[in-house]
PDB file of all heavy atoms in Angstrom:
ATOM      1  N   ARG A   1     110.305  81.891  91.955  1.00  0.00           N
ATOM      2  CA  ARG A   1     110.789  81.318  90.643  1.00  0.00           C
ATOM      3  C   ARG A   1     109.731  81.245  89.609  1.00  0.00           C
ATOM      4  O   ARG A   1     108.526  80.936  90.038  1.00  0.00           O
ATOM      5  CB  ARG A   1     111.499  79.979  90.899  1.00  0.00           C
ATOM      6  CG  ARG A   1     112.721  80.026  91.719  1.00  0.00           C
ATOM      7  CD  ARG A   1     113.260  78.584  92.011  1.00  0.00           C
ATOM      8  NE  ARG A   1     114.523  78.781  92.694  1.00  0.00           N
ATOM      9  CZ  ARG A   1     115.762  78.533  92.073  1.00  0.00           C
ATOM     10  NH1 ARG A   1     115.757  78.214  90.813  1.00  0.00           N
ATOM     11  NH2 ARG A   1     116.813  78.576  92.709  1.00  0.00           N
ATOM     12  N   PRO A   2     109.952  81.381  88.428  1.00  0.00           N
ATOM     13  CA  PRO A   2     111.333  81.776  87.856  1.00  0.00           C
ATOM     14  C   PRO A   2     111.559  83.268  88.010  1.00  0.00           C
ATOM     15  O   PRO A   2     110.614  84.055  88.101  1.00  0.00           O
ATOM     16  CB  PRO A   2     111.053  81.341  86.325  1.00  0.00           C
ATOM     17  CG  PRO A   2     109.641  81.564  86.072  1.00  0.00           C
ATOM     18  CD  PRO A   2     108.987  81.259  87.294  1.00  0.00           C
ATOM     19  N   TYR A   3     112.786  83.601  87.941  1.00  0.00           N
ATOM     20  CA  TYR A   3     113.142  85.074  88.032  1.00  0.00           C
ATOM     21  C   TYR A   3     114.514  85.168  87.192  1.00  0.00           C
ATOM     22  O   TYR A   3     115.187  84.186  86.858  1.00  0.00           O
ATOM     23  CB  TYR A   3     113.425  85.495  89.428  1.00  0.00           C
ATOM     24  CG  TYR A   3     114.645  84.765  90.135  1.00  0.00           C
ATOM     25  CD1 TYR A   3     115.896  85.117  89.865  1.00  0.00           C
ATOM     26  CD2 TYR A   3     114.330  83.690  91.037  1.00  0.00           C
ATOM     27  CE1 TYR A   3     117.039  84.379  90.468  1.00  0.00           C
ATOM     28  CE2 TYR A   3     115.464  83.018  91.649  1.00  0.00           C
ATOM     29  CZ  TYR A   3     116.702  83.403  91.359  1.00  0.00           C
ATOM     30  OH  TYR A   3     117.667  82.748  91.998  1.00  0.00           O
ATOM     31  N   THR A   4     114.762  86.422  86.854  1.00  0.00           N
ATOM     32  CA  THR A   4     116.054  86.780  86.216  1.00  0.00           C
ATOM     33  C   THR A   4     116.640  87.885  86.982  1.00  0.00           C
ATOM     34  O   THR A   4     115.985  88.810  87.359  1.00  0.00           O
ATOM     35  CB  THR A   4     115.779  87.243  84.771  1.00  0.00           C
ATOM     36  OG1 THR A   4     115.193  86.185  84.066  1.00  0.00           O
ATOM     37  CG2 THR A   4     117.049  87.674  84.063  1.00  0.00           C
ATOM     38  N   MET A   5     117.933  87.793  87.232  1.00  0.00           N
ATOM     39  CA  MET A   5     118.700  88.841  87.877  1.00  0.00           C
ATOM     40  C   MET A   5     119.661  89.294  86.901  1.00  0.00           C
ATOM     41  O   MET A   5     120.392  88.524  86.199  1.00  0.00           O
ATOM     42  CB  MET A   5     119.371  88.394  89.155  1.00  0.00           C
ATOM     43  CG  MET A   5     118.437  88.066  90.254  1.00  0.00           C
ATOM     44  SD  MET A   5     119.137  87.857  91.916  1.00  0.00           S
ATOM     45  CE  MET A   5     119.399  89.523  92.365  1.00  0.00           C
ATOM     46  N   ALA A   6     119.738  90.648  86.764  1.00  0.00           N
ATOM     47  CA  ALA A   6     120.631  91.309  85.700  1.00  0.00           C
ATOM     48  C   ALA A   6     121.373  92.492  86.273  1.00  0.00           C
ATOM     49  O   ALA A   6     121.081  92.978  87.291  1.00  0.00           O
ATOM     50  CB  ALA A   6     119.746  91.787  84.576  1.00  0.00           C
ATOM     51  N   TRP A   7     122.559  92.693  85.690  1.00  0.00           N
ATOM     52  CA  TRP A   7     123.372  93.931  85.962  1.00  0.00           C
ATOM     53  C   TRP A   7     123.165  94.860  84.726  1.00  0.00           C
ATOM     54  O   TRP A   7     123.299  94.483  83.607  1.00  0.00           O
ATOM     55  CB  TRP A   7     124.810  93.599  86.135  1.00  0.00           C
ATOM     56  CG  TRP A   7     125.096  93.038  87.387  1.00  0.00           C
ATOM     57  CD1 TRP A   7     125.229  91.611  87.725  1.00  0.00           C
ATOM     58  CD2 TRP A   7     125.216  93.723  88.743  1.00  0.00           C
ATOM     59  NE1 TRP A   7     125.446  91.444  89.081  1.00  0.00           N
ATOM     60  CE2 TRP A   7     125.481  92.656  89.646  1.00  0.00           C
ATOM     61  CE3 TRP A   7     125.250  95.007  89.120  1.00  0.00           C
ATOM     62  CZ2 TRP A   7     125.641  92.988  91.105  1.00  0.00           C
ATOM     63  CZ3 TRP A   7     125.489  95.277  90.482  1.00  0.00           C
ATOM     64  CH2 TRP A   7     125.651  94.339  91.364  1.00  0.00           C
ATOM     65  N   TYR A   8     122.835  96.161  84.998  1.00  0.00           N
ATOM     66  CA  TYR A   8     122.872  97.188  84.044  1.00  0.00           C
ATOM     67  C   TYR A   8     123.862  98.244  84.427  1.00  0.00           C
ATOM     68  O   TYR A   8     124.310  98.161  85.571  1.00  0.00           O
ATOM     69  CB  TYR A   8     121.519  97.834  83.985  1.00  0.00           C
ATOM     70  CG  TYR A   8     120.338  97.075  83.265  1.00  0.00           C
ATOM     71  CD1 TYR A   8     119.817  95.971  83.891  1.00  0.00           C
ATOM     72  CD2 TYR A   8     119.899  97.403  82.125  1.00  0.00           C
ATOM     73  CE1 TYR A   8     118.809  95.149  83.219  1.00  0.00           C
ATOM     74  CE2 TYR A   8     118.847  96.748  81.360  1.00  0.00           C
ATOM     75  CZ  TYR A   8     118.367  95.571  81.996  1.00  0.00           C
ATOM     76  OH  TYR A   8     117.373  94.852  81.338  1.00  0.00           O
ATOM     77  N   ARG A   9     124.190  98.977  83.496  1.00  0.00           N
ATOM     78  CA  ARG A   9     125.124 100.169  83.779  1.00  0.00           C
ATOM     79  C   ARG A   9     124.656 101.373  83.049  1.00  0.00           C
ATOM     80  O   ARG A   9     124.087 101.284  81.922  1.00  0.00           O
ATOM     81  CB  ARG A   9     126.534  99.882  83.413  1.00  0.00           C
ATOM     82  CG  ARG A   9     126.886  99.700  81.973  1.00  0.00           C
ATOM     83  CD  ARG A   9     128.392  99.135  81.932  1.00  0.00           C
ATOM     84  NE  ARG A   9     128.739  99.022  80.537  1.00  0.00           N
ATOM     85  CZ  ARG A   9     129.783  98.509  80.088  1.00  0.00           C
ATOM     86  NH1 ARG A   9     130.799  98.142  81.076  1.00  0.00           N
ATOM     87  NH2 ARG A   9     130.126  98.379  78.765  1.00  0.00           N
ATOM     88  N   GLN A  10     125.025 102.583  83.581  1.00  0.00           N
ATOM     89  CA  GLN A  10     124.652 103.845  83.044  1.00  0.00           C
ATOM     90  C   GLN A  10     125.744 104.858  83.157  1.00  0.00           C
ATOM     91  O   GLN A  10     126.139 105.121  84.340  1.00  0.00           O
ATOM     92  CB  GLN A  10     123.357 104.380  83.501  1.00  0.00           C
ATOM     93  CG  GLN A  10     122.842 105.619  82.734  1.00  0.00           C
ATOM     94  CD  GLN A  10     121.521 106.006  83.196  1.00  0.00           C
ATOM     95  OE1 GLN A  10     120.895 105.573  84.231  1.00  0.00           O
ATOM     96  NE2 GLN A  10     120.810 106.801  82.311  1.00  0.00           N
ATOM     97  N   ALA A  11     126.351 105.221  82.051  1.00  0.00           N
ATOM     98  CA  ALA A  11     127.439 106.194  82.108  1.00  0.00           C
ATOM     99  C   ALA A  11     126.773 107.599  81.847  1.00  0.00           C
ATOM    100  O   ALA A  11     125.703 107.695  81.394  1.00  0.00           O
ATOM    101  CB  ALA A  11     128.422 105.863  80.995  1.00  0.00           C
ATOM    102  N   PRO A  12     127.433 108.668  82.301  1.00  0.00           N
ATOM    103  CA  PRO A  12     126.938 109.926  82.178  1.00  0.00           C
ATOM    104  C   PRO A  12     126.636 110.205  80.659  1.00  0.00           C
ATOM    105  O   PRO A  12     127.420 110.118  79.838  1.00  0.00           O
ATOM    106  CB  PRO A  12     128.063 110.873  82.717  1.00  0.00           C
ATOM    107  CG  PRO A  12     128.833 110.061  83.614  1.00  0.00           C
ATOM    108  CD  PRO A  12     128.716 108.741  83.060  1.00  0.00           C
ATOM    109  N   GLY A  13     125.435 110.785  80.477  1.00  0.00           N
ATOM    110  CA  GLY A  13     124.922 111.165  79.119  1.00  0.00           C
ATOM    111  C   GLY A  13     124.569 110.022  78.239  1.00  0.00           C
ATOM    112  O   GLY A  13     124.171 110.134  77.097  1.00  0.00           O
ATOM    113  N   ASN A  14     124.578 108.823  78.887  1.00  0.00           N
ATOM    114  CA  ASN A  14     124.223 107.520  78.044  1.00  0.00           C
ATOM    115  C   ASN A  14     122.959 106.960  78.588  1.00  0.00           C
ATOM    116  O   ASN A  14     122.560 107.174  79.874  1.00  0.00           O
ATOM    117  CB  ASN A  14     125.415 106.460  78.086  1.00  0.00           C
ATOM    118  CG  ASN A  14     126.537 106.924  77.319  1.00  0.00           C
ATOM    119  OD1 ASN A  14     126.552 107.936  76.644  1.00  0.00           O
ATOM    120  ND2 ASN A  14     127.648 106.155  77.322  1.00  0.00           N
ATOM    121  N   GLN A  15     122.290 106.032  77.843  1.00  0.00           N
ATOM    122  CA  GLN A  15     121.191 105.299  78.303  1.00  0.00           C
ATOM    123  C   GLN A  15     121.644 104.146  79.140  1.00  0.00           C
ATOM    124  O   GLN A  15     122.769 103.670  79.010  1.00  0.00           O
ATOM    125  CB  GLN A  15     120.293 104.837  77.160  1.00  0.00           C
ATOM    126  CG  GLN A  15     119.635 105.903  76.402  1.00  0.00           C
ATOM    127  CD  GLN A  15     118.682 105.301  75.329  1.00  0.00           C
ATOM    128  OE1 GLN A  15     118.808 104.263  74.876  1.00  0.00           O
ATOM    129  NE2 GLN A  15     117.633 106.008  75.023  1.00  0.00           N
ATOM    130  N   ARG A  16     120.832 103.640  79.997  1.00  0.00           N
ATOM    131  CA  ARG A  16     121.170 102.468  80.780  1.00  0.00           C
ATOM    132  C   ARG A  16     121.149 101.294  79.852  1.00  0.00           C
ATOM    133  O   ARG A  16     120.278 101.139  79.039  1.00  0.00           O
ATOM    134  CB  ARG A  16     120.044 102.283  81.906  1.00  0.00           C
ATOM    135  CG  ARG A  16     120.483 101.287  82.911  1.00  0.00           C
ATOM    136  CD  ARG A  16     119.467 101.301  84.199  1.00  0.00           C
ATOM    137  NE  ARG A  16     119.499 102.524  84.925  1.00  0.00           N
ATOM    138  CZ  ARG A  16     118.863 102.753  86.045  1.00  0.00           C
ATOM    139  NH1 ARG A  16     118.139 101.746  86.584  1.00  0.00           N
ATOM    140  NH2 ARG A  16     118.952 103.955  86.528  1.00  0.00           N
ATOM    141  N   GLU A  17     122.177 100.508  80.074  1.00  0.00           N
ATOM    142  CA  GLU A  17     122.411  99.362  79.184  1.00  0.00           C
ATOM    143  C   GLU A  17     122.528  98.062  79.944  1.00  0.00           C
ATOM    144  O   GLU A  17     123.105  98.078  81.057  1.00  0.00           O
ATOM    145  CB  GLU A  17     123.553  99.587  78.243  1.00  0.00           C
ATOM    146  CG  GLU A  17     124.878  99.601  78.853  1.00  0.00           C
ATOM    147  CD  GLU A  17     126.119  99.673  77.839  1.00  0.00           C
ATOM    148  OE1 GLU A  17     125.933  99.720  76.717  1.00  0.00           O
ATOM    149  OE2 GLU A  17     127.235  99.788  78.401  1.00  0.00           O
ATOM    150  N   LEU A  18     122.069  96.994  79.359  1.00  0.00           N
ATOM    151  CA  LEU A  18     122.227  95.625  79.998  1.00  0.00           C
ATOM    152  C   LEU A  18     123.685  95.187  79.834  1.00  0.00           C
ATOM    153  O   LEU A  18     124.251  95.230  78.721  1.00  0.00           O
ATOM    154  CB  LEU A  18     121.326  94.635  79.264  1.00  0.00           C
ATOM    155  CG  LEU A  18     121.462  93.171  79.666  1.00  0.00           C
ATOM    156  CD1 LEU A  18     120.948  93.008  81.135  1.00  0.00           C
ATOM    157  CD2 LEU A  18     120.592  92.366  78.768  1.00  0.00           C
ATOM    158  N   VAL A  19     124.168  94.792  80.935  1.00  0.00           N
ATOM    159  CA  VAL A  19     125.520  94.164  80.987  1.00  0.00           C
ATOM    160  C   VAL A  19     125.488  92.595  80.906  1.00  0.00           C
ATOM    161  O   VAL A  19     126.168  92.079  80.070  1.00  0.00           O
ATOM    162  CB  VAL A  19     126.383  94.647  82.259  1.00  0.00           C
ATOM    163  CG1 VAL A  19     127.733  93.960  82.277  1.00  0.00           C
ATOM    164  CG2 VAL A  19     126.421  96.106  82.272  1.00  0.00           C
ATOM    165  N   ALA A  20     124.712  92.003  81.771  1.00  0.00           N
ATOM    166  CA  ALA A  20     124.593  90.593  81.868  1.00  0.00           C
ATOM    167  C   ALA A  20     123.486  90.260  82.726  1.00  0.00           C
ATOM    168  O   ALA A  20     122.928  91.040  83.465  1.00  0.00           O
ATOM    169  CB  ALA A  20     125.914  90.008  82.460  1.00  0.00           C
ATOM    170  N   TYR A  21     122.915  89.048  82.408  1.00  0.00           N
ATOM    171  CA  TYR A  21     121.865  88.463  83.207  1.00  0.00           C
ATOM    172  C   TYR A  21     122.028  86.898  83.506  1.00  0.00           C
ATOM    173  O   TYR A  21     122.743  86.264  82.754  1.00  0.00           O
ATOM    174  CB  TYR A  21     120.454  88.694  82.688  1.00  0.00           C
ATOM    175  CG  TYR A  21     120.068  88.001  81.407  1.00  0.00           C
ATOM    176  CD1 TYR A  21     119.724  86.650  81.463  1.00  0.00           C
ATOM    177  CD2 TYR A  21     120.109  88.588  80.166  1.00  0.00           C
ATOM    178  CE1 TYR A  21     119.300  85.966  80.302  1.00  0.00           C
ATOM    179  CE2 TYR A  21     119.706  87.920  79.033  1.00  0.00           C
ATOM    180  CZ  TYR A  21     119.337  86.677  79.106  1.00  0.00           C
ATOM    181  OH  TYR A  21     119.007  85.923  77.983  1.00  0.00           O
ATOM    182  N   ILE A  22     121.293  86.550  84.526  1.00  0.00           N
ATOM    183  CA  ILE A  22     121.341  85.100  84.999  1.00  0.00           C
ATOM    184  C   ILE A  22     119.896  84.731  85.334  1.00  0.00           C
ATOM    185  O   ILE A  22     119.239  85.459  85.977  1.00  0.00           O
ATOM    186  CB  ILE A  22     122.360  84.823  86.031  1.00  0.00           C
ATOM    187  CG1 ILE A  22     122.438  83.311  86.367  1.00  0.00           C
ATOM    188  CG2 ILE A  22     122.107  85.585  87.314  1.00  0.00           C
ATOM    189  CD1 ILE A  22     123.616  82.864  87.149  1.00  0.00           C
ATOM    190  N   THR A  23     119.522  83.636  84.870  1.00  0.00           N
ATOM    191  CA  THR A  23     118.133  83.156  85.179  1.00  0.00           C
ATOM    192  C   THR A  23     118.120  82.273  86.366  1.00  0.00           C
ATOM    193  O   THR A  23     119.251  81.738  86.804  1.00  0.00           O
ATOM    194  CB  THR A  23     117.467  82.366  83.965  1.00  0.00           C
ATOM    195  OG1 THR A  23     118.171  81.110  83.952  1.00  0.00           O
ATOM    196  CG2 THR A  23     117.642  83.242  82.768  1.00  0.00           C
ATOM    197  N   SER A  24     116.966  81.972  86.968  1.00  0.00           N
ATOM    198  CA  SER A  24     116.956  81.120  88.187  1.00  0.00           C
ATOM    199  C   SER A  24     117.264  79.688  87.738  1.00  0.00           C
ATOM    200  O   SER A  24     117.653  78.866  88.556  1.00  0.00           O
ATOM    201  CB  SER A  24     115.485  81.116  88.778  1.00  0.00           C
ATOM    202  OG  SER A  24     114.534  80.903  87.755  1.00  0.00           O
ATOM    203  N   GLY A  25     117.232  79.407  86.432  1.00  0.00           N
ATOM    204  CA  GLY A  25     117.677  78.082  85.962  1.00  0.00           C
ATOM    205  C   GLY A  25     119.232  77.984  85.715  1.00  0.00           C
ATOM    206  O   GLY A  25     119.714  76.984  85.363  1.00  0.00           O
ATOM    207  N   GLY A  26     119.926  79.231  85.792  1.00  0.00           N
ATOM    208  CA  GLY A  26     121.305  79.260  85.579  1.00  0.00           C
ATOM    209  C   GLY A  26     121.800  79.641  84.243  1.00  0.00           C
ATOM    210  O   GLY A  26     123.069  79.698  83.977  1.00  0.00           O
ATOM    211  N   SER A  27     120.933  79.954  83.345  1.00  0.00           N
ATOM    212  CA  SER A  27     121.383  80.445  82.082  1.00  0.00           C
ATOM    213  C   SER A  27     121.944  81.904  82.250  1.00  0.00           C
ATOM    214  O   SER A  27     121.343  82.716  82.950  1.00  0.00           O
ATOM    215  CB  SER A  27     120.160  80.480  81.096  1.00  0.00           C
ATOM    216  OG  SER A  27     119.679  79.130  80.816  1.00  0.00           O
ATOM    217  N   THR A  28     122.895  82.206  81.401  1.00  0.00           N
ATOM    218  CA  THR A  28     123.495  83.525  81.445  1.00  0.00           C
ATOM    219  C   THR A  28     123.641  84.129  79.980  1.00  0.00           C
ATOM    220  O   THR A  28     123.647  83.356  79.042  1.00  0.00           O
ATOM    221  CB  THR A  28     124.949  83.408  82.013  1.00  0.00           C
ATOM    222  OG1 THR A  28     125.829  82.630  81.209  1.00  0.00           O
ATOM    223  CG2 THR A  28     124.905  82.928  83.569  1.00  0.00           C
ATOM    224  N   ASN A  29     123.825  85.420  79.978  1.00  0.00           N
ATOM    225  CA  ASN A  29     123.995  86.111  78.730  1.00  0.00           C
ATOM    226  C   ASN A  29     124.717  87.395  79.024  1.00  0.00           C
ATOM    227  O   ASN A  29     124.543  87.972  80.089  1.00  0.00           O
ATOM    228  CB  ASN A  29     122.624  86.427  78.059  1.00  0.00           C
ATOM    229  CG  ASN A  29     122.758  86.759  76.569  1.00  0.00           C
ATOM    230  OD1 ASN A  29     123.789  86.375  75.989  1.00  0.00           O
ATOM    231  ND2 ASN A  29     121.758  87.370  76.025  1.00  0.00           N
TER     232      ASN A  29
END
């Protein structure tokens, strides 16, 4: 700690994009 875990996604022909993240403190975006 501290850390952040996130989900990204990448569709064909597109750049990888951030979907959501959560911190070790519990904050989300």
